[in-house]
Every structure is written in structure tokens, then in C-alpha cells.
Amino acid sequence: MRHAQTLNEAQFRKVLHYCRTRRHANRDTAIFMVSFFAGLRAKEIAALKLGDVFDAKGRGSEPQCHAACQCWQEPARSS
């Protein structure tokens, strides 16, 4: 099975620079970083809520699999 291609450092910097030139630079940069570092897909990022990222006191919460995330869920086993 082939592995998905990933960005090299130069490509990463180029995308990051492009995000920073956009009208919604902070949003675009955050989406790109979450996708790149957490491996989330677009629909998983779109389904995130503030409570998934921050706790009640506004601090970053512990990373955990989101309900919409399919990447960490193990397939159901049949007995």
C-alpha cells in the first residue's frame, strides 16, 4: 500500500507563507497547522468545537480524538 505524500520543509514554509498573505490569515494558518500537525481532515477540523481545544478556564485541553475523527477509531471486531 502506498503512503500519502507529505510536505517537505520548503513546501511547508511556502504554504505557511501563502496562508499569512490571505484575508483571514490567522484562521487559514490555524487550519493548516491543525491539519498538518494533528493529521485532521477538513470535515474533522470543521466539526471542532471550542471545548475540544480549550478547557473551561481557556487553557489548551489535552489532545483527544474528536467524535468526528475517524483516524484513531479501531474497527469493530466481530466475535
N, C-alpha and C. Protein backbone atom coordinates (compact mmCIF):
# COMPACT_ATOMS: atom_id res chain seq x y z
N MET A 1 0.84 -1.18 0.00
CA MET A 1 0.00 0.00 0.00
C MET A 1 0.89 1.24 0.00
N ARG A 2 0.52 2.19 -0.84
CA ARG A 2 1.29 3.43 -0.92
C ARG A 2 0.94 4.36 0.23
N HIS A 3 1.93 5.09 0.69
CA HIS A 3 1.72 6.08 1.76
C HIS A 3 1.41 7.44 1.12
N ALA A 4 0.64 8.22 1.82
CA ALA A 4 0.33 9.57 1.35
C ALA A 4 1.60 10.41 1.35
N GLN A 5 1.72 11.27 0.38
CA GLN A 5 2.88 12.15 0.33
C GLN A 5 2.71 13.24 1.39
N THR A 6 3.82 13.63 1.97
CA THR A 6 3.81 14.71 2.96
C THR A 6 4.66 15.86 2.42
N LEU A 7 4.45 17.02 2.99
CA LEU A 7 5.20 18.20 2.57
C LEU A 7 6.61 18.16 3.14
N ASN A 8 7.58 18.57 2.33
CA ASN A 8 8.92 18.74 2.88
C ASN A 8 8.98 20.13 3.52
N GLU A 9 10.11 20.46 4.11
CA GLU A 9 10.22 21.72 4.85
C GLU A 9 9.98 22.94 3.96
N ALA A 10 10.53 22.92 2.76
CA ALA A 10 10.35 24.06 1.85
C ALA A 10 8.89 24.22 1.45
N GLN A 11 8.21 23.12 1.17
CA GLN A 11 6.80 23.18 0.81
C GLN A 11 5.96 23.67 2.00
N PHE A 12 6.29 23.19 3.20
CA PHE A 12 5.59 23.62 4.40
C PHE A 12 5.70 25.12 4.57
N ARG A 13 6.90 25.65 4.44
CA ARG A 13 7.12 27.09 4.59
C ARG A 13 6.37 27.89 3.51
N LYS A 14 6.33 27.35 2.30
CA LYS A 14 5.64 28.02 1.20
C LYS A 14 4.14 28.11 1.48
N VAL A 15 3.53 27.02 1.95
CA VAL A 15 2.11 27.03 2.28
C VAL A 15 1.85 27.97 3.45
N LEU A 16 2.70 27.93 4.47
CA LEU A 16 2.55 28.81 5.62
C LEU A 16 2.63 30.28 5.20
N HIS A 17 3.59 30.60 4.34
CA HIS A 17 3.71 31.97 3.84
C HIS A 17 2.45 32.37 3.07
N TYR A 18 1.94 31.47 2.25
CA TYR A 18 0.72 31.77 1.48
C TYR A 18 -0.46 32.03 2.43
N CYS A 19 -0.61 31.20 3.45
CA CYS A 19 -1.70 31.39 4.41
C CYS A 19 -1.63 32.77 5.05
N ARG A 20 -0.44 33.23 5.32
CA ARG A 20 -0.25 34.52 6.00
C ARG A 20 -0.53 35.72 5.10
N THR A 21 -0.65 35.49 3.80
CA THR A 21 -0.96 36.59 2.87
C THR A 21 -2.45 36.70 2.61
N ARG A 22 -3.23 35.79 3.13
CA ARG A 22 -4.67 35.75 2.88
C ARG A 22 -5.42 36.73 3.77
N ARG A 23 -6.66 37.01 3.41
CA ARG A 23 -7.50 37.94 4.17
C ARG A 23 -7.72 37.45 5.60
N HIS A 24 -7.93 36.15 5.76
CA HIS A 24 -8.15 35.56 7.08
C HIS A 24 -6.92 34.73 7.46
N ALA A 25 -5.80 35.43 7.58
CA ALA A 25 -4.51 34.77 7.78
C ALA A 25 -4.47 33.91 9.03
N ASN A 26 -4.99 34.42 10.16
CA ASN A 26 -4.95 33.63 11.40
C ASN A 26 -5.75 32.35 11.27
N ARG A 27 -6.95 32.46 10.71
CA ARG A 27 -7.80 31.28 10.53
C ARG A 27 -7.15 30.27 9.59
N ASP A 28 -6.67 30.75 8.44
CA ASP A 28 -6.08 29.85 7.45
C ASP A 28 -4.82 29.18 7.99
N THR A 29 -4.01 29.93 8.72
CA THR A 29 -2.80 29.36 9.32
C THR A 29 -3.16 28.31 10.36
N ALA A 30 -4.15 28.60 11.19
CA ALA A 30 -4.57 27.64 12.22
C ALA A 30 -5.10 26.36 11.59
N ILE A 31 -5.90 26.49 10.55
CA ILE A 31 -6.45 25.30 9.87
C ILE A 31 -5.32 24.48 9.27
N PHE A 32 -4.39 25.14 8.63
CA PHE A 32 -3.25 24.43 8.02
C PHE A 32 -2.43 23.70 9.09
N MET A 33 -2.15 24.38 10.20
CA MET A 33 -1.34 23.78 11.27
C MET A 33 -2.05 22.58 11.90
N VAL A 34 -3.34 22.72 12.15
CA VAL A 34 -4.10 21.60 12.74
C VAL A 34 -4.10 20.41 11.77
N SER A 35 -4.29 20.70 10.51
CA SER A 35 -4.28 19.62 9.52
C SER A 35 -2.91 18.95 9.45
N PHE A 36 -1.87 19.76 9.41
CA PHE A 36 -0.52 19.22 9.25
C PHE A 36 -0.04 18.47 10.50
N PHE A 37 -0.17 19.10 11.66
CA PHE A 37 0.40 18.51 12.87
C PHE A 37 -0.51 17.48 13.55
N ALA A 38 -1.82 17.67 13.47
CA ALA A 38 -2.73 16.72 14.11
C ALA A 38 -3.24 15.68 13.12
N GLY A 39 -3.05 15.93 11.84
CA GLY A 39 -3.48 14.97 10.84
C GLY A 39 -4.98 14.94 10.62
N LEU A 40 -5.67 16.01 11.00
CA LEU A 40 -7.12 16.04 10.83
C LEU A 40 -7.48 16.43 9.40
N ARG A 41 -8.57 15.85 8.94
CA ARG A 41 -9.09 16.18 7.62
C ARG A 41 -10.05 17.35 7.74
N ALA A 42 -10.45 17.90 6.58
CA ALA A 42 -11.28 19.11 6.56
C ALA A 42 -12.56 18.94 7.37
N LYS A 43 -13.27 17.83 7.19
CA LYS A 43 -14.53 17.67 7.91
C LYS A 43 -14.30 17.53 9.41
N GLU A 44 -13.17 16.99 9.81
CA GLU A 44 -12.85 16.85 11.23
C GLU A 44 -12.51 18.21 11.83
N ILE A 45 -11.81 19.04 11.08
CA ILE A 45 -11.50 20.39 11.55
C ILE A 45 -12.78 21.21 11.64
N ALA A 46 -13.64 21.09 10.64
CA ALA A 46 -14.90 21.84 10.64
C ALA A 46 -15.80 21.45 11.80
N ALA A 47 -15.69 20.22 12.28
CA ALA A 47 -16.55 19.74 13.36
C ALA A 47 -16.02 20.10 14.75
N LEU A 48 -14.80 20.66 14.83
CA LEU A 48 -14.25 21.01 16.14
C LEU A 48 -15.06 22.10 16.82
N LYS A 49 -15.19 21.98 18.12
CA LYS A 49 -15.83 22.99 18.96
C LYS A 49 -14.76 23.57 19.89
N LEU A 50 -15.01 24.75 20.45
CA LEU A 50 -14.03 25.36 21.36
C LEU A 50 -13.69 24.42 22.51
N GLY A 51 -14.67 23.68 23.02
CA GLY A 51 -14.44 22.75 24.12
C GLY A 51 -13.53 21.60 23.76
N ASP A 52 -13.35 21.34 22.46
CA ASP A 52 -12.43 20.30 22.02
C ASP A 52 -10.99 20.78 22.11
N VAL A 53 -10.81 22.10 22.11
CA VAL A 53 -9.47 22.68 22.07
C VAL A 53 -9.09 23.34 23.40
N PHE A 54 -10.08 24.01 24.04
CA PHE A 54 -9.84 24.72 25.29
C PHE A 54 -10.70 24.16 26.41
N ASP A 55 -10.17 24.20 27.65
CA ASP A 55 -10.99 23.80 28.79
C ASP A 55 -11.81 25.00 29.27
N ALA A 56 -12.56 24.82 30.36
CA ALA A 56 -13.46 25.87 30.86
C ALA A 56 -12.71 27.14 31.25
N LYS A 57 -11.43 27.05 31.60
CA LYS A 57 -10.65 28.22 32.01
C LYS A 57 -9.89 28.85 30.84
N GLY A 58 -10.11 28.34 29.63
CA GLY A 58 -9.46 28.91 28.46
C GLY A 58 -8.08 28.38 28.17
N ARG A 59 -7.68 27.35 28.90
CA ARG A 59 -6.36 26.74 28.67
C ARG A 59 -6.51 25.64 27.61
N GLY A 60 -5.45 25.37 26.92
CA GLY A 60 -5.47 24.29 25.94
C GLY A 60 -5.76 22.97 26.63
N SER A 61 -6.69 22.23 26.07
CA SER A 61 -7.05 20.95 26.69
C SER A 61 -6.15 19.84 26.16
N GLU A 62 -6.18 18.71 26.83
CA GLU A 62 -5.37 17.57 26.42
C GLU A 62 -5.85 17.08 25.06
N PRO A 63 -4.92 16.72 24.18
CA PRO A 63 -5.34 16.20 22.88
C PRO A 63 -6.16 14.93 23.05
N GLN A 64 -7.22 14.84 22.30
CA GLN A 64 -8.04 13.65 22.33
C GLN A 64 -8.74 13.50 20.99
N CYS A 65 -9.19 12.33 20.74
CA CYS A 65 -9.86 12.07 19.48
C CYS A 65 -11.24 12.70 19.51
N HIS A 66 -11.56 13.44 18.49
CA HIS A 66 -12.86 14.10 18.38
C HIS A 66 -13.89 13.10 17.86
N ALA A 67 -15.13 13.31 18.19
CA ALA A 67 -16.20 12.39 17.77
C ALA A 67 -16.25 12.22 16.25
N ALA A 68 -15.93 13.28 15.51
CA ALA A 68 -15.98 13.20 14.05
C ALA A 68 -14.73 12.56 13.45
N CYS A 69 -13.71 12.41 14.26
CA CYS A 69 -12.44 11.86 13.78
C CYS A 69 -12.56 10.36 13.55
N GLN A 70 -12.12 9.92 12.41
CA GLN A 70 -12.16 8.50 12.09
C GLN A 70 -10.77 7.88 12.10
N CYS A 71 -9.75 8.69 12.27
CA CYS A 71 -8.39 8.19 12.13
C CYS A 71 -7.93 7.34 13.30
N TRP A 72 -8.46 7.57 14.50
CA TRP A 72 -7.99 6.83 15.66
C TRP A 72 -8.95 5.74 16.10
N GLN A 73 -10.12 5.67 15.49
CA GLN A 73 -11.10 4.69 15.91
C GLN A 73 -10.74 3.32 15.34
N GLU A 74 -10.75 2.33 16.20
CA GLU A 74 -10.46 0.98 15.75
C GLU A 74 -11.71 0.37 15.14
N PRO A 75 -11.55 -0.44 14.11
CA PRO A 75 -12.73 -1.07 13.51
C PRO A 75 -13.40 -2.01 14.50
N ALA A 76 -14.70 -2.12 14.40
CA ALA A 76 -15.46 -3.01 15.28
C ALA A 76 -15.03 -4.45 15.01
N ARG A 77 -14.87 -5.18 16.09
CA ARG A 77 -14.46 -6.58 15.96
C ARG A 77 -15.69 -7.48 16.03
N SER A 78 -15.69 -8.45 15.18
CA SER A 78 -16.79 -9.41 15.24
C SER A 78 -16.31 -10.64 15.97
N SER A 79 -17.14 -11.13 16.91
CA SER A 79 -16.75 -12.28 17.71
C SER A 79 -17.36 -13.54 17.17
